[in-house]
Structures are given as structure tokens and as C-alpha cells.
Amino acid sequence: MEEILKKIEEQQTKIDAIYVSVEKLRKYFLWTLIVTVATVLVPLIAVVIILPSLLSTVSSLYQQ
């Protein structure tokens, strides 16, 4: 009986270590997703904002 309790305690220790590792991995993936989205969306938003004024400037140069 004592041997079974010892095995259960060892398993619980290993499960706790796995949980900590998985949580670190989850946070890593979350920040990777946030950085990836930011590096894609920020330039797209900048293009949407800057492109009309840039096209306006270029077209006014060629109208004269």
C-alpha cells in the first residue's frame, strides 16, 4: 500500500512539472501570435492610411 502511495506522489510531481511546462509553452505561443498579428496588421493599417494621400500627391504631380 505504501508503495502505491509513493508512486502516486511521484506521478503528481511529474504532472505538476508537465503543467508548468505546458503553461510556459502556452504563453510563448500566445505572444508569438500577438507579435505575428501585430507585424502583419500594423503595416496593413499604415498602408490604408498613407496610400490615399500618397496617391493624391502623385496624381497631382502628373496633372500639371
PDB file of N, CA and C in Angstrom:
ATOM      1  N   MET A   1       0.820  -1.195   0.000  1.00  0.00           N
ATOM      2  CA  MET A   1       0.000   0.000   0.000  1.00  0.00           C
ATOM      3  C   MET A   1       0.864   1.260   0.000  1.00  0.00           C
ATOM      4  N   GLU A   2       1.909   1.207   0.804  1.00  0.00           N
ATOM      5  CA  GLU A   2       2.805   2.372   0.901  1.00  0.00           C
ATOM      6  C   GLU A   2       3.518   2.627  -0.427  1.00  0.00           C
ATOM      7  N   GLU A   3       3.825   1.542  -1.131  1.00  0.00           N
ATOM      8  CA  GLU A   3       4.477   1.674  -2.432  1.00  0.00           C
ATOM      9  C   GLU A   3       3.557   2.353  -3.449  1.00  0.00           C
ATOM     10  N   ILE A   4       2.289   2.038  -3.392  1.00  0.00           N
ATOM     11  CA  ILE A   4       1.315   2.656  -4.300  1.00  0.00           C
ATOM     12  C   ILE A   4       1.205   4.144  -4.008  1.00  0.00           C
ATOM     13  N   LEU A   5       1.161   4.527  -2.753  1.00  0.00           N
ATOM     14  CA  LEU A   5       1.090   5.947  -2.384  1.00  0.00           C
ATOM     15  C   LEU A   5       2.336   6.697  -2.849  1.00  0.00           C
ATOM     16  N   LYS A   6       3.481   6.052  -2.747  1.00  0.00           N
ATOM     17  CA  LYS A   6       4.721   6.661  -3.206  1.00  0.00           C
ATOM     18  C   LYS A   6       4.684   6.881  -4.713  1.00  0.00           C
ATOM     19  N   LYS A   7       4.187   5.898  -5.457  1.00  0.00           N
ATOM     20  CA  LYS A   7       4.064   6.035  -6.916  1.00  0.00           C
ATOM     21  C   LYS A   7       3.104   7.166  -7.277  1.00  0.00           C
ATOM     22  N   ILE A   8       2.006   7.265  -6.547  1.00  0.00           N
ATOM     23  CA  ILE A   8       1.031   8.328  -6.805  1.00  0.00           C
ATOM     24  C   ILE A   8       1.663   9.693  -6.556  1.00  0.00           C
ATOM     25  N   GLU A   9       2.431   9.824  -5.506  1.00  0.00           N
ATOM     26  CA  GLU A   9       3.102  11.095  -5.215  1.00  0.00           C
ATOM     27  C   GLU A   9       4.115  11.442  -6.310  1.00  0.00           C
ATOM     28  N   GLU A  10       4.844  10.441  -6.796  1.00  0.00           N
ATOM     29  CA  GLU A  10       5.797  10.671  -7.881  1.00  0.00           C
ATOM     30  C   GLU A  10       5.073  11.123  -9.146  1.00  0.00           C
ATOM     31  N   GLN A  11       3.946  10.489  -9.424  1.00  0.00           N
ATOM     32  CA  GLN A  11       3.166  10.879 -10.595  1.00  0.00           C
ATOM     33  C   GLN A  11       2.641  12.303 -10.455  1.00  0.00           C
ATOM     34  N   GLN A  12       2.198  12.667  -9.264  1.00  0.00           N
ATOM     35  CA  GLN A  12       1.693  14.021  -9.036  1.00  0.00           C
ATOM     36  C   GLN A  12       2.805  15.047  -9.244  1.00  0.00           C
ATOM     37  N   THR A  13       4.003  14.731  -8.799  1.00  0.00           N
ATOM     38  CA  THR A  13       5.137  15.634  -9.005  1.00  0.00           C
ATOM     39  C   THR A  13       5.418  15.809 -10.493  1.00  0.00           C
ATOM     40  N   LYS A  14       5.378  14.720 -11.228  1.00  0.00           N
ATOM     41  CA  LYS A  14       5.622  14.792 -12.667  1.00  0.00           C
ATOM     42  C   LYS A  14       4.494  15.545 -13.375  1.00  0.00           C
ATOM     43  N   ILE A  15       3.267  15.328 -12.951  1.00  0.00           N
ATOM     44  CA  ILE A  15       2.132  16.038 -13.548  1.00  0.00           C
ATOM     45  C   ILE A  15       2.258  17.539 -13.291  1.00  0.00           C
ATOM     46  N   ASP A  16       2.674  17.920 -12.097  1.00  0.00           N
ATOM     47  CA  ASP A  16       2.871  19.345 -11.792  1.00  0.00           C
ATOM     48  C   ASP A  16       3.953  19.953 -12.678  1.00  0.00           C
ATOM     49  N   ALA A  17       5.030  19.213 -12.893  1.00  0.00           N
ATOM     50  CA  ALA A  17       6.112  19.703 -13.750  1.00  0.00           C
ATOM     51  C   ALA A  17       5.624  19.848 -15.194  1.00  0.00           C
ATOM     52  N   ILE A  18       4.832  18.902 -15.660  1.00  0.00           N
ATOM     53  CA  ILE A  18       4.284  18.977 -17.014  1.00  0.00           C
ATOM     54  C   ILE A  18       3.364  20.183 -17.134  1.00  0.00           C
ATOM     55  N   TYR A  19       2.556  20.437 -16.122  1.00  0.00           N
ATOM     56  CA  TYR A  19       1.632  21.576 -16.136  1.00  0.00           C
ATOM     57  C   TYR A  19       2.402  22.886 -16.252  1.00  0.00           C
ATOM     58  N   VAL A  20       3.458  23.033 -15.493  1.00  0.00           N
ATOM     59  CA  VAL A  20       4.273  24.250 -15.550  1.00  0.00           C
ATOM     60  C   VAL A  20       4.872  24.417 -16.939  1.00  0.00           C
ATOM     61  N   SER A  21       5.372  23.331 -17.493  1.00  0.00           N
ATOM     62  CA  SER A  21       5.968  23.374 -18.826  1.00  0.00           C
ATOM     63  C   SER A  21       4.938  23.751 -19.890  1.00  0.00           C
ATOM     64  N   VAL A  22       3.749  23.183 -19.801  1.00  0.00           N
ATOM     65  CA  VAL A  22       2.699  23.465 -20.776  1.00  0.00           C
ATOM     66  C   VAL A  22       2.240  24.917 -20.658  1.00  0.00           C
ATOM     67  N   GLU A  23       2.149  25.444 -19.462  1.00  0.00           N
ATOM     68  CA  GLU A  23       1.755  26.842 -19.276  1.00  0.00           C
ATOM     69  C   GLU A  23       2.790  27.792 -19.882  1.00  0.00           C
ATOM     70  N   LYS A  24       4.063  27.484 -19.709  1.00  0.00           N
ATOM     71  CA  LYS A  24       5.111  28.301 -20.332  1.00  0.00           C
ATOM     72  C   LYS A  24       4.984  28.259 -21.855  1.00  0.00           C
ATOM     73  N   LEU A  25       4.732  27.084 -22.388  1.00  0.00           N
ATOM     74  CA  LEU A  25       4.578  26.914 -23.830  1.00  0.00           C
ATOM     75  C   LEU A  25       3.353  27.665 -24.341  1.00  0.00           C
ATOM     76  N   ARG A  26       2.268  27.626 -23.590  1.00  0.00           N
ATOM     77  CA  ARG A  26       1.045  28.337 -23.971  1.00  0.00           C
ATOM     78  C   ARG A  26       1.295  29.848 -24.024  1.00  0.00           C
ATOM     79  N   LYS A  27       1.985  30.370 -23.028  1.00  0.00           N
ATOM     80  CA  LYS A  27       2.298  31.801 -23.018  1.00  0.00           C
ATOM     81  C   LYS A  27       3.225  32.164 -24.178  1.00  0.00           C
ATOM     82  N   TYR A  28       4.174  31.298 -24.491  1.00  0.00           N
ATOM     83  CA  TYR A  28       5.069  31.530 -25.612  1.00  0.00           C
ATOM     84  C   TYR A  28       4.284  31.600 -26.924  1.00  0.00           C
ATOM     85  N   PHE A  29       3.377  30.639 -27.129  1.00  0.00           N
ATOM     86  CA  PHE A  29       2.557  30.637 -28.343  1.00  0.00           C
ATOM     87  C   PHE A  29       1.651  31.859 -28.405  1.00  0.00           C
ATOM     88  N   LEU A  30       1.115  32.276 -27.269  1.00  0.00           N
ATOM     89  CA  LEU A  30       0.251  33.454 -27.242  1.00  0.00           C
ATOM     90  C   LEU A  30       1.026  34.689 -27.679  1.00  0.00           C
ATOM     91  N   TRP A  31       2.209  34.899 -27.135  1.00  0.00           N
ATOM     92  CA  TRP A  31       2.997  36.075 -27.506  1.00  0.00           C
ATOM     93  C   TRP A  31       3.490  35.990 -28.943  1.00  0.00           C
ATOM     94  N   THR A  32       3.776  34.775 -29.411  1.00  0.00           N
ATOM     95  CA  THR A  32       4.151  34.610 -30.813  1.00  0.00           C
ATOM     96  C   THR A  32       2.996  35.015 -31.719  1.00  0.00           C
ATOM     97  N   LEU A  33       1.781  34.624 -31.354  1.00  0.00           N
ATOM     98  CA  LEU A  33       0.600  35.005 -32.121  1.00  0.00           C
ATOM     99  C   LEU A  33       0.396  36.515 -32.102  1.00  0.00           C
ATOM    100  N   ILE A  34       0.542  37.129 -30.945  1.00  0.00           N
ATOM    101  CA  ILE A  34       0.353  38.580 -30.827  1.00  0.00           C
ATOM    102  C   ILE A  34       1.377  39.326 -31.677  1.00  0.00           C
ATOM    103  N   VAL A  35       2.634  38.924 -31.616  1.00  0.00           N
ATOM    104  CA  VAL A  35       3.680  39.588 -32.402  1.00  0.00           C
ATOM    105  C   VAL A  35       3.452  39.375 -33.894  1.00  0.00           C
ATOM    106  N   THR A  36       3.048  38.171 -34.277  1.00  0.00           N
ATOM    107  CA  THR A  36       2.788  37.890 -35.692  1.00  0.00           C
ATOM    108  C   THR A  36       1.639  38.745 -36.214  1.00  0.00           C
ATOM    109  N   VAL A  37       0.557  38.807 -35.477  1.00  0.00           N
ATOM    110  CA  VAL A  37      -0.588  39.622 -35.891  1.00  0.00           C
ATOM    111  C   VAL A  37      -0.197  41.085 -35.966  1.00  0.00           C
ATOM    112  N   ALA A  38       0.567  41.549 -34.994  1.00  0.00           N
ATOM    113  CA  ALA A  38       0.986  42.958 -34.989  1.00  0.00           C
ATOM    114  C   ALA A  38       1.879  43.274 -36.184  1.00  0.00           C
ATOM    115  N   THR A  39       2.775  42.369 -36.523  1.00  0.00           N
ATOM    116  CA  THR A  39       3.675  42.652 -37.651  1.00  0.00           C
ATOM    117  C   THR A  39       2.961  42.567 -38.989  1.00  0.00           C
ATOM    118  N   VAL A  40       1.809  41.930 -39.042  1.00  0.00           N
ATOM    119  CA  VAL A  40       1.039  41.885 -40.278  1.00  0.00           C
ATOM    120  C   VAL A  40       0.025  43.025 -40.328  1.00  0.00           C
ATOM    121  N   LEU A  41      -0.685  43.252 -39.240  1.00  0.00           N
ATOM    122  CA  LEU A  41      -1.759  44.241 -39.241  1.00  0.00           C
ATOM    123  C   LEU A  41      -1.266  45.686 -39.215  1.00  0.00           C
ATOM    124  N   VAL A  42      -0.235  45.974 -38.475  1.00  0.00           N
ATOM    125  CA  VAL A  42       0.250  47.357 -38.381  1.00  0.00           C
ATOM    126  C   VAL A  42       0.668  47.893 -39.754  1.00  0.00           C
ATOM    127  N   PRO A  43       1.455  47.174 -40.544  1.00  0.00           N
ATOM    128  CA  PRO A  43       1.768  47.682 -41.880  1.00  0.00           C
ATOM    129  C   PRO A  43       0.537  47.811 -42.779  1.00  0.00           C
ATOM    130  N   LEU A  44      -0.408  46.875 -42.679  1.00  0.00           N
ATOM    131  CA  LEU A  44      -1.623  46.969 -43.488  1.00  0.00           C
ATOM    132  C   LEU A  44      -2.433  48.206 -43.125  1.00  0.00           C
ATOM    133  N   ILE A  45      -2.566  48.482 -41.852  1.00  0.00           N
ATOM    134  CA  ILE A  45      -3.292  49.674 -41.412  1.00  0.00           C
ATOM    135  C   ILE A  45      -2.554  50.928 -41.864  1.00  0.00           C
ATOM    136  N   ALA A  46      -1.231  50.917 -41.765  1.00  0.00           N
ATOM    137  CA  ALA A  46      -0.441  52.071 -42.212  1.00  0.00           C
ATOM    138  C   ALA A  46      -0.628  52.304 -43.711  1.00  0.00           C
ATOM    139  N   VAL A  47      -0.666  51.237 -44.485  1.00  0.00           N
ATOM    140  CA  VAL A  47      -0.860  51.380 -45.936  1.00  0.00           C
ATOM    141  C   VAL A  47      -2.236  51.962 -46.221  1.00  0.00           C
ATOM    142  N   VAL A  48      -3.252  51.504 -45.524  1.00  0.00           N
ATOM    143  CA  VAL A  48      -4.608  52.014 -45.739  1.00  0.00           C
ATOM    144  C   VAL A  48      -4.684  53.503 -45.406  1.00  0.00           C
ATOM    145  N   ILE A  49      -3.957  53.934 -44.407  1.00  0.00           N
ATOM    146  CA  ILE A  49      -3.991  55.342 -44.010  1.00  0.00           C
ATOM    147  C   ILE A  49      -3.123  56.199 -44.933  1.00  0.00           C
ATOM    148  N   ILE A  50      -1.936  55.726 -45.277  1.00  0.00           N
ATOM    149  CA  ILE A  50      -0.968  56.537 -46.028  1.00  0.00           C
ATOM    150  C   ILE A  50      -1.218  56.501 -47.536  1.00  0.00           C
ATOM    151  N   LEU A  51      -1.693  55.390 -48.066  1.00  0.00           N
ATOM    152  CA  LEU A  51      -1.835  55.223 -49.509  1.00  0.00           C
ATOM    153  C   LEU A  51      -2.722  56.284 -50.177  1.00  0.00           C
ATOM    154  N   PRO A  52      -3.872  56.638 -49.634  1.00  0.00           N
ATOM    155  CA  PRO A  52      -4.676  57.664 -50.314  1.00  0.00           C
ATOM    156  C   PRO A  52      -3.966  59.009 -50.449  1.00  0.00           C
ATOM    157  N   SER A  53      -3.304  59.463 -49.404  1.00  0.00           N
ATOM    158  CA  SER A  53      -2.604  60.737 -49.511  1.00  0.00           C
ATOM    159  C   SER A  53      -1.415  60.633 -50.463  1.00  0.00           C
ATOM    160  N   LEU A  54      -0.758  59.498 -50.487  1.00  0.00           N
ATOM    161  CA  LEU A  54       0.357  59.295 -51.404  1.00  0.00           C
ATOM    162  C   LEU A  54      -0.125  59.294 -52.855  1.00  0.00           C
ATOM    163  N   LEU A  55      -1.219  58.596 -53.117  1.00  0.00           N
ATOM    164  CA  LEU A  55      -1.770  58.581 -54.471  1.00  0.00           C
ATOM    165  C   LEU A  55      -2.249  59.967 -54.881  1.00  0.00           C
ATOM    166  N   SER A  56      -2.803  60.703 -53.962  1.00  0.00           N
ATOM    167  CA  SER A  56      -3.250  62.059 -54.252  1.00  0.00           C
ATOM    168  C   SER A  56      -2.066  62.945 -54.628  1.00  0.00           C
ATOM    169  N   THR A  57      -0.998  62.823 -53.900  1.00  0.00           N
ATOM    170  CA  THR A  57       0.190  63.616 -54.171  1.00  0.00           C
ATOM    171  C   THR A  57       0.785  63.258 -55.546  1.00  0.00           C
ATOM    172  N   VAL A  58       0.881  61.977 -55.808  1.00  0.00           N
ATOM    173  CA  VAL A  58       1.458  61.526 -57.076  1.00  0.00           C
ATOM    174  C   VAL A  58       0.571  61.947 -58.249  1.00  0.00           C
ATOM    175  N   SER A  59      -0.723  61.792 -58.102  1.00  0.00           N
ATOM    176  CA  SER A  59      -1.624  62.181 -59.205  1.00  0.00           C
ATOM    177  C   SER A  59      -1.615  63.686 -59.439  1.00  0.00           C
ATOM    178  N   SER A  60      -1.447  64.485 -58.399  1.00  0.00           N
ATOM    179  CA  SER A  60      -1.375  65.932 -58.577  1.00  0.00           C
ATOM    180  C   SER A  60      -0.083  66.334 -59.289  1.00  0.00           C
ATOM    181  N   LEU A  61       0.973  65.570 -59.102  1.00  0.00           N
ATOM    182  CA  LEU A  61       2.228  65.858 -59.791  1.00  0.00           C
ATOM    183  C   LEU A  61       2.089  65.628 -61.298  1.00  0.00           C
ATOM    184  N   TYR A  62       1.343  64.604 -61.673  1.00  0.00           N
ATOM    185  CA  TYR A  62       1.200  64.268 -63.089  1.00  0.00           C
ATOM    186  C   TYR A  62       0.087  65.056 -63.789  1.00  0.00           C
ATOM    187  N   GLN A  63      -0.749  65.751 -63.046  1.00  0.00           N
ATOM    188  CA  GLN A  63      -1.820  66.525 -63.662  1.00  0.00           C
ATOM    189  C   GLN A  63      -1.287  67.822 -64.279  1.00  0.00           C
ATOM    190  N   GLN A  64      -0.219  68.330 -63.805  1.00  0.00           N
ATOM    191  CA  GLN A  64       0.305  69.608 -64.276  1.00  0.00           C
ATOM    192  C   GLN A  64       1.089  69.498 -65.531  1.00  0.00           C
TER     193      GLN A  64
END
